[in-house]
């Protein structure tokens, strides 16, 4: 099972105990801590160690930044310290950043800002007891002034950090779950809109038939065809409801699989090469799953036709059967709604 990797960025020697505590904390959460001083960074024979650290940042899903009183070593090729540039790499990758600064340093930073306004000629010459380099204050300002993800919190000891991170990561989980709910509701809304569009088009066609035709048998036949087309048009919407993919990719229209050659709708999707059926036998019996290219999946059951009694599966299979029966030109126009030409 994949777990989030958490990059812990700071100067090493002055914050060694804090880094050790953070490493233990991250492990207890069930995530993987990544610290350069623990050998977690791969130092490629083709890269400088500074660049190796930056490369490792891009492999992590969370980034903890700790700002203490020591500035640290300058990066060999870039402006600023190694820690500065690790942070910038996380910003570039849009990795969630959780920035913490020692209370004494943060307090001196406020003094620094005040002196910058009131003593512009001398503020850089003043000694600030909590730091070894005034560039630390510039780095704090860089974090604070970032347009996004710019929260920065002070800490006195590790317990402050632990409390803050627990709350933030709980909030992140809540946002993730809420976003899933919003996406699900949006899917439902979009499907209702699509269904209304199909229904409106169906009604329009029915009215045209009734106005133009006096023969009762012809009316019945044309109404049946209109209903069949409306049912077929619902197929792309039903597939979009099941999966995250809005479209299926092919190189050309000529590559579109023919629905008539497939018994079930999921067989047809697999023929597009954007879907695959996998079998899981871990529970002592085989269960089939249909995956799309985004790794969204649905369960098909212990047998590939075992979902035929499920109402939604019946609905999508019915739409697929209608798709197989409509005229070729209409079928092509419906399929073109589903496919993205590369």
Protein backbone atom coordinates (compact mmCIF):
# COMPACT_ATOMS: atom_id res chain seq x y z
CA UNK A 1 0.00 0.00 0.00
CA UNK A 2 1.37 3.42 -0.98
CA UNK A 3 1.77 5.87 1.90
CA UNK A 4 2.53 9.62 1.87
CA UNK A 5 6.19 10.61 2.03
CA UNK A 6 6.95 13.62 4.25
CA UNK A 7 10.07 15.68 3.55
CA UNK A 8 11.45 17.31 6.71
CA UNK A 9 13.48 20.37 5.78
CA UNK A 10 15.67 22.35 8.18
CA UNK A 11 19.25 22.91 9.17
CA UNK A 12 20.46 19.67 10.71
CA UNK A 13 22.80 20.23 13.62
CA UNK A 14 20.97 22.90 15.65
CA UNK A 15 17.60 21.16 15.17
CA UNK A 16 18.74 17.55 15.43
CA UNK A 17 16.48 16.62 18.37
CA UNK A 18 13.48 18.31 16.79
CA UNK A 19 14.11 16.39 13.56
CA UNK A 20 14.35 13.08 15.46
CA UNK A 21 11.06 13.78 17.24
CA UNK A 22 9.39 14.72 13.95
CA UNK A 23 10.66 11.54 12.32
CA UNK A 24 9.13 9.45 15.10
CA UNK A 25 5.87 11.43 14.96
CA UNK A 26 5.51 11.02 11.19
CA UNK A 27 6.07 7.27 11.53
CA UNK A 28 3.37 6.98 14.23
CA UNK A 29 0.92 8.67 11.86
CA UNK A 30 1.69 5.92 9.35
CA UNK A 31 3.57 8.12 6.87
CA UNK A 32 7.16 7.85 5.67
CA UNK A 33 9.58 10.56 6.91
CA UNK A 34 12.35 11.67 4.57
CA UNK A 35 15.41 13.30 6.17
CA UNK A 36 18.68 14.01 4.39
CA UNK A 37 20.76 13.19 7.48
CA UNK A 38 19.15 9.74 7.78
CA UNK A 39 20.21 8.50 4.36
CA UNK A 40 16.65 8.81 3.02
CA UNK A 41 17.83 10.94 0.10
CA UNK A 42 19.36 9.09 -2.84
CA UNK A 43 22.67 10.76 -3.65
CA UNK A 44 23.08 9.98 -7.33
CA UNK A 45 26.62 9.58 -8.60
CA UNK A 46 25.68 12.05 -11.35
CA UNK A 47 24.44 14.82 -9.03
CA UNK A 48 25.72 17.10 -6.34
CA UNK A 49 24.25 16.34 -2.91
CA UNK A 50 22.48 19.72 -2.99
CA UNK A 51 20.67 18.81 -6.20
CA UNK A 52 19.90 15.32 -4.87
CA UNK A 53 17.99 16.88 -1.96
CA UNK A 54 15.95 19.03 -4.33
CA UNK A 55 15.17 16.02 -6.51
CA UNK A 56 13.95 14.07 -3.45
CA UNK A 57 11.50 16.85 -2.56
CA UNK A 58 9.57 16.15 -5.78
CA UNK A 59 8.99 12.52 -4.67
CA UNK A 60 7.24 13.59 -1.45
CA UNK A 61 3.58 14.43 -0.91
CA UNK A 62 3.99 16.62 2.21
CA UNK A 63 6.70 19.10 3.22
CA UNK A 64 7.54 20.23 6.76
CA UNK A 65 9.69 23.35 6.97
CA UNK A 66 11.38 24.18 10.27
CA UNK A 67 13.08 27.57 10.59
CA UNK A 68 15.51 27.91 13.47
CA UNK A 69 18.29 30.33 14.33
CA UNK A 70 20.93 28.86 12.02
CA UNK A 71 20.93 29.84 8.35
CA UNK A 72 22.78 26.78 7.09
CA UNK A 73 24.98 26.18 4.08
CA UNK A 74 24.54 28.06 0.82
CA UNK A 75 23.36 26.08 -2.20
CA UNK A 76 26.20 25.62 -4.66
CA UNK A 77 24.35 26.97 -7.74
CA UNK A 78 21.28 28.78 -6.46
CA UNK A 79 20.64 31.86 -4.40
CA UNK A 80 19.97 31.10 -0.74
CA UNK A 81 20.62 28.17 1.55
CA UNK A 82 19.93 24.51 0.85
CA UNK A 83 16.84 24.71 3.08
CA UNK A 84 15.64 27.82 1.18
CA UNK A 85 15.85 25.96 -2.10
CA UNK A 86 14.22 22.79 -0.77
CA UNK A 87 11.28 25.00 0.21
CA UNK A 88 11.21 26.64 -3.23
CA UNK A 89 11.20 23.22 -4.87
CA UNK A 90 8.15 22.26 -2.78
CA UNK A 91 6.43 25.51 -3.81
CA UNK A 92 7.22 24.80 -7.47
CA UNK A 93 5.75 21.29 -7.15
CA UNK A 94 2.67 22.63 -5.29
CA UNK A 95 3.42 20.27 -2.41
CA UNK A 96 1.45 21.08 0.78
CA UNK A 97 3.86 22.95 3.09
CA UNK A 98 3.66 23.17 6.87
CA UNK A 99 6.05 25.88 8.05
CA UNK A 100 7.12 26.28 11.68
CA UNK A 101 9.56 28.81 13.17
CA UNK A 102 11.17 28.88 16.60
CA UNK A 103 9.42 31.36 18.90
CA UNK A 104 12.60 33.30 19.71
CA UNK A 105 13.39 33.67 16.01
CA UNK A 106 9.82 34.77 15.26
CA UNK A 107 9.96 37.31 18.08
CA UNK A 108 13.21 38.75 16.75
CA UNK A 109 11.65 38.83 13.29
CA UNK A 110 8.95 41.18 14.58
CA UNK A 111 11.69 43.37 16.08
CA UNK A 112 13.52 43.27 12.76
CA UNK A 113 10.41 44.43 10.87
CA UNK A 114 9.86 47.23 13.36
CA UNK A 115 13.48 48.38 13.05
CA UNK A 116 13.23 48.17 9.27
CA UNK A 117 10.50 50.83 9.39
CA UNK A 118 11.87 53.06 12.13
CA UNK A 119 15.63 52.66 11.58
CA UNK A 120 16.09 51.94 7.86
CA UNK A 121 19.77 52.91 8.00
CA UNK A 122 20.69 50.68 10.91
CA UNK A 123 18.29 47.71 11.08
CA UNK A 124 20.67 45.39 9.24
CA UNK A 125 23.55 46.26 11.61
CA UNK A 126 21.59 45.43 14.77
CA UNK A 127 22.42 42.15 16.53
CA UNK A 128 19.49 39.77 16.86
CA UNK A 129 20.38 37.19 19.54
CA UNK A 130 18.31 34.27 18.20
CA UNK A 131 19.89 34.06 14.73
CA UNK A 132 23.30 33.73 13.12
CA UNK A 133 22.38 35.41 9.83
CA UNK A 134 19.89 38.18 9.04
CA UNK A 135 18.96 36.30 5.83
CA UNK A 136 16.74 34.08 8.00
CA UNK A 137 14.32 36.99 8.36
CA UNK A 138 14.24 37.41 4.60
CA UNK A 139 13.37 33.72 4.29
CA UNK A 140 10.52 34.08 6.80
CA UNK A 141 9.19 36.98 4.73
CA UNK A 142 9.45 34.86 1.58
CA UNK A 143 7.28 32.16 3.18
CA UNK A 144 4.75 34.66 4.56
CA UNK A 145 4.41 36.54 1.27
CA UNK A 146 3.82 33.47 -0.88
CA UNK A 147 0.46 33.82 -2.65
CA UNK A 148 -0.72 30.37 -1.52
CA UNK A 149 0.02 27.94 1.31
CA UNK A 150 1.78 30.72 3.25
CA UNK A 151 0.83 29.89 6.85
CA UNK A 152 3.72 30.02 9.28
CA UNK A 153 3.40 29.11 12.97
CA UNK A 154 5.80 29.60 15.88
CA UNK A 155 6.71 26.83 18.33
CA UNK A 156 8.41 26.63 21.73
CA UNK A 157 8.99 22.88 21.79
CA UNK A 158 8.10 19.72 19.95
CA UNK A 159 4.69 19.35 21.60
CA UNK A 160 3.62 22.61 19.91
CA UNK A 161 4.70 21.21 16.56
CA UNK A 162 2.93 17.89 17.13
CA UNK A 163 -0.34 19.59 18.08
CA UNK A 164 -0.20 21.89 15.07
CA UNK A 165 0.57 19.14 12.56
CA UNK A 166 -2.15 16.85 13.92
CA UNK A 167 -4.73 19.60 13.51
CA UNK A 168 -3.51 20.56 10.04
CA UNK A 169 -3.41 17.00 8.74
CA UNK A 170 -6.84 16.30 10.20
CA UNK A 171 -8.08 19.41 8.37
CA UNK A 172 -6.47 18.19 5.17
CA UNK A 173 -8.24 14.83 5.50
CA UNK A 174 -11.55 16.61 6.11
CA UNK A 175 -11.02 18.73 2.98
CA UNK A 176 -10.24 15.62 0.96
CA UNK A 177 -13.42 13.87 2.10
CA UNK A 178 -15.49 17.02 1.57
CA UNK A 179 -14.04 17.39 -1.93
CA UNK A 180 -15.02 13.80 -2.74
CA UNK A 181 -18.58 14.61 -1.64
CA UNK A 182 -18.61 17.79 -3.73
CA UNK A 183 -17.32 15.88 -6.76
CA UNK A 184 -19.94 13.18 -6.28
CA UNK A 185 -22.69 15.80 -6.02
CA UNK A 186 -21.33 17.57 -9.11
CA UNK A 187 -21.42 14.28 -11.02
CA UNK A 188 -25.04 13.76 -10.03
CA UNK A 189 -25.94 17.33 -11.03
CA UNK A 190 -24.16 17.02 -14.38
CA UNK A 191 -25.91 13.75 -15.08
CA UNK A 192 -29.31 15.30 -14.30
CA UNK A 193 -28.53 18.19 -16.66
CA UNK A 194 -27.44 15.76 -19.37
CA UNK A 195 -30.57 13.66 -18.82
CA UNK A 196 -32.73 16.79 -19.10
CA UNK A 197 -30.94 17.76 -22.33
CA UNK A 198 -31.61 14.30 -23.79
CA UNK A 199 -35.24 14.43 -22.64
CA UNK A 200 -35.70 17.89 -24.19
CA UNK A 201 -34.24 16.71 -27.50
CA UNK A 202 -36.47 13.65 -27.39
CA UNK A 203 -39.56 15.80 -26.77
CA UNK A 204 -38.59 18.10 -29.66
CA UNK A 205 -38.28 15.15 -32.05
CA UNK A 206 -41.59 13.67 -30.88
CA UNK A 207 -43.40 16.95 -31.51
CA UNK A 208 -41.94 17.16 -35.02
CA UNK A 209 -43.10 13.61 -35.77
CA UNK A 210 -46.63 14.25 -34.51
CA UNK A 211 -46.93 17.42 -36.58
CA UNK A 212 -45.64 15.83 -39.79
CA UNK A 213 -47.22 12.35 -39.70
CA UNK A 214 -50.89 11.31 -39.89
CA UNK A 215 -50.35 7.55 -40.28
CA UNK A 216 -50.67 5.96 -36.80
CA UNK A 217 -48.38 3.02 -37.61
CA UNK A 218 -45.64 5.37 -38.87
CA UNK A 219 -46.00 7.49 -35.73
CA UNK A 220 -45.50 4.46 -33.48
CA UNK A 221 -42.46 3.37 -35.47
CA UNK A 222 -40.87 6.82 -35.39
CA UNK A 223 -41.57 7.26 -31.69
CA UNK A 224 -39.85 3.93 -31.01
CA UNK A 225 -36.81 5.08 -32.98
CA UNK A 226 -36.69 8.38 -31.08
CA UNK A 227 -36.88 6.56 -27.76
CA UNK A 228 -34.12 4.19 -28.88
CA UNK A 229 -31.86 7.12 -29.82
CA UNK A 230 -32.56 8.86 -26.50
CA UNK A 231 -31.66 5.67 -24.63
CA UNK A 232 -28.45 5.32 -26.67
CA UNK A 233 -27.50 8.95 -25.99
CA UNK A 234 -27.59 8.27 -22.24
CA UNK A 235 -24.70 5.78 -22.51
CA UNK A 236 -21.83 8.35 -22.35
CA UNK A 237 -23.45 10.04 -19.32
CA UNK A 238 -23.81 6.74 -17.48
CA UNK A 239 -20.14 5.87 -18.08
CA UNK A 240 -19.07 9.34 -16.88
CA UNK A 241 -21.09 8.81 -13.70
CA UNK A 242 -19.08 5.68 -12.88
CA UNK A 243 -15.58 6.96 -13.60
CA UNK A 244 -13.41 10.04 -13.18
CA UNK A 245 -12.49 10.06 -16.87
CA UNK A 246 -14.50 12.56 -18.90
CA UNK A 247 -13.36 11.05 -22.18
CA UNK A 248 -11.68 8.03 -23.71
CA UNK A 249 -8.59 8.61 -25.84
CA UNK A 250 -8.04 7.18 -29.32
CA UNK A 251 -5.76 8.12 -32.19
CA UNK A 252 -8.53 8.42 -34.79
CA UNK A 253 -12.28 7.97 -35.26
CA UNK A 254 -11.54 4.87 -37.33
CA UNK A 255 -10.08 3.22 -34.21
CA UNK A 256 -13.38 3.36 -32.35
CA UNK A 257 -14.47 -0.15 -31.36
CA UNK A 258 -17.79 -1.35 -32.76
CA UNK A 259 -20.37 -1.83 -29.96
CA UNK A 260 -22.00 -4.63 -31.97
CA UNK A 261 -18.91 -6.78 -31.50
CA UNK A 262 -19.27 -6.79 -27.69
CA UNK A 263 -21.90 -8.42 -25.52
CA UNK A 264 -21.52 -6.24 -22.44
CA UNK A 265 -20.81 -2.52 -22.07
CA UNK A 266 -17.66 -3.17 -20.01
CA UNK A 267 -16.28 -5.42 -22.78
CA UNK A 268 -16.71 -2.48 -25.14
CA UNK A 269 -14.85 -0.14 -22.74
CA UNK A 270 -11.97 -2.60 -22.40
CA UNK A 271 -11.73 -2.68 -26.21
CA UNK A 272 -10.91 1.06 -26.16
CA UNK A 273 -7.64 0.28 -24.28
CA UNK A 274 -8.42 3.00 -21.70
CA UNK A 275 -10.01 0.40 -19.41
CA UNK A 276 -8.82 -2.90 -18.02
CA UNK A 277 -10.42 -5.73 -16.04
CA UNK A 278 -8.40 -7.07 -13.10
CA UNK A 279 -9.13 -10.09 -10.93
CA UNK A 280 -8.61 -10.12 -7.16
CA UNK A 281 -8.60 -13.45 -5.33
CA UNK A 282 -7.31 -12.35 -1.91
CA UNK A 283 -10.62 -13.08 -0.13
CA UNK A 284 -10.64 -16.71 -1.23
CA UNK A 285 -12.79 -16.15 -4.28
CA UNK A 286 -12.26 -14.24 -7.49
CA UNK A 287 -13.73 -10.76 -7.85
CA UNK A 288 -13.56 -8.78 -11.10
CA UNK A 289 -12.87 -5.03 -11.15
CA UNK A 290 -13.05 -2.57 -14.03
CA UNK A 291 -10.36 0.18 -13.91
CA UNK A 292 -10.11 3.34 -15.99
CA UNK A 293 -6.88 5.17 -16.89
CA UNK A 294 -7.11 7.26 -13.67
CA UNK A 295 -7.23 4.04 -11.59
CA UNK A 296 -10.85 4.68 -10.62
CA UNK A 297 -12.52 1.29 -10.41
CA UNK A 298 -15.87 -0.41 -9.91
CA UNK A 299 -16.59 -3.95 -8.81
CA UNK A 300 -18.07 -6.20 -11.49
CA UNK A 301 -18.60 -9.13 -9.13
CA UNK A 302 -17.42 -12.76 -8.87
CA UNK A 303 -18.50 -13.35 -12.46
CA UNK A 304 -18.39 -10.84 -15.28
CA UNK A 305 -22.16 -10.90 -15.76
CA UNK A 306 -23.04 -11.20 -12.06
CA UNK A 307 -24.10 -7.53 -11.84
CA UNK A 308 -26.85 -7.98 -14.41
CA UNK A 309 -29.51 -7.74 -11.68
CA UNK A 310 -28.11 -4.46 -10.32
CA UNK A 311 -30.50 -1.60 -11.38
CA UNK A 312 -27.71 0.73 -12.50
CA UNK A 313 -25.93 -2.03 -14.41
CA UNK A 314 -29.22 -2.92 -16.10
CA UNK A 315 -29.66 0.73 -17.06
CA UNK A 316 -26.20 1.08 -18.57
CA UNK A 317 -26.49 -2.28 -20.36
CA UNK A 318 -29.87 -1.18 -21.75
CA UNK A 319 -28.30 2.05 -23.05
CA UNK A 320 -25.48 0.02 -24.58
CA UNK A 321 -27.97 -2.31 -26.33
CA UNK A 322 -29.72 0.77 -27.73
CA UNK A 323 -26.38 2.11 -28.94
CA UNK A 324 -25.82 -1.09 -30.89
CA UNK A 325 -29.18 -0.70 -32.67
CA UNK A 326 -29.20 2.94 -33.78
CA UNK A 327 -28.21 4.04 -37.29
CA UNK A 328 -24.43 4.19 -37.93
CA UNK A 329 -24.32 8.00 -38.26
CA UNK A 330 -26.17 8.51 -34.98
CA UNK A 331 -24.01 5.89 -33.28
CA UNK A 332 -20.89 7.70 -34.48
CA UNK A 333 -22.12 11.07 -33.18
CA UNK A 334 -22.86 9.53 -29.77
CA UNK A 335 -19.47 7.84 -29.56
CA UNK A 336 -17.72 11.07 -30.55
CA UNK A 337 -19.08 12.60 -27.34
CA UNK A 338 -17.12 9.99 -25.36
CA UNK A 339 -13.82 9.95 -27.21
CA UNK A 340 -10.92 12.38 -27.25
CA UNK A 341 -8.86 12.22 -30.43
CA UNK A 342 -5.12 12.36 -29.66
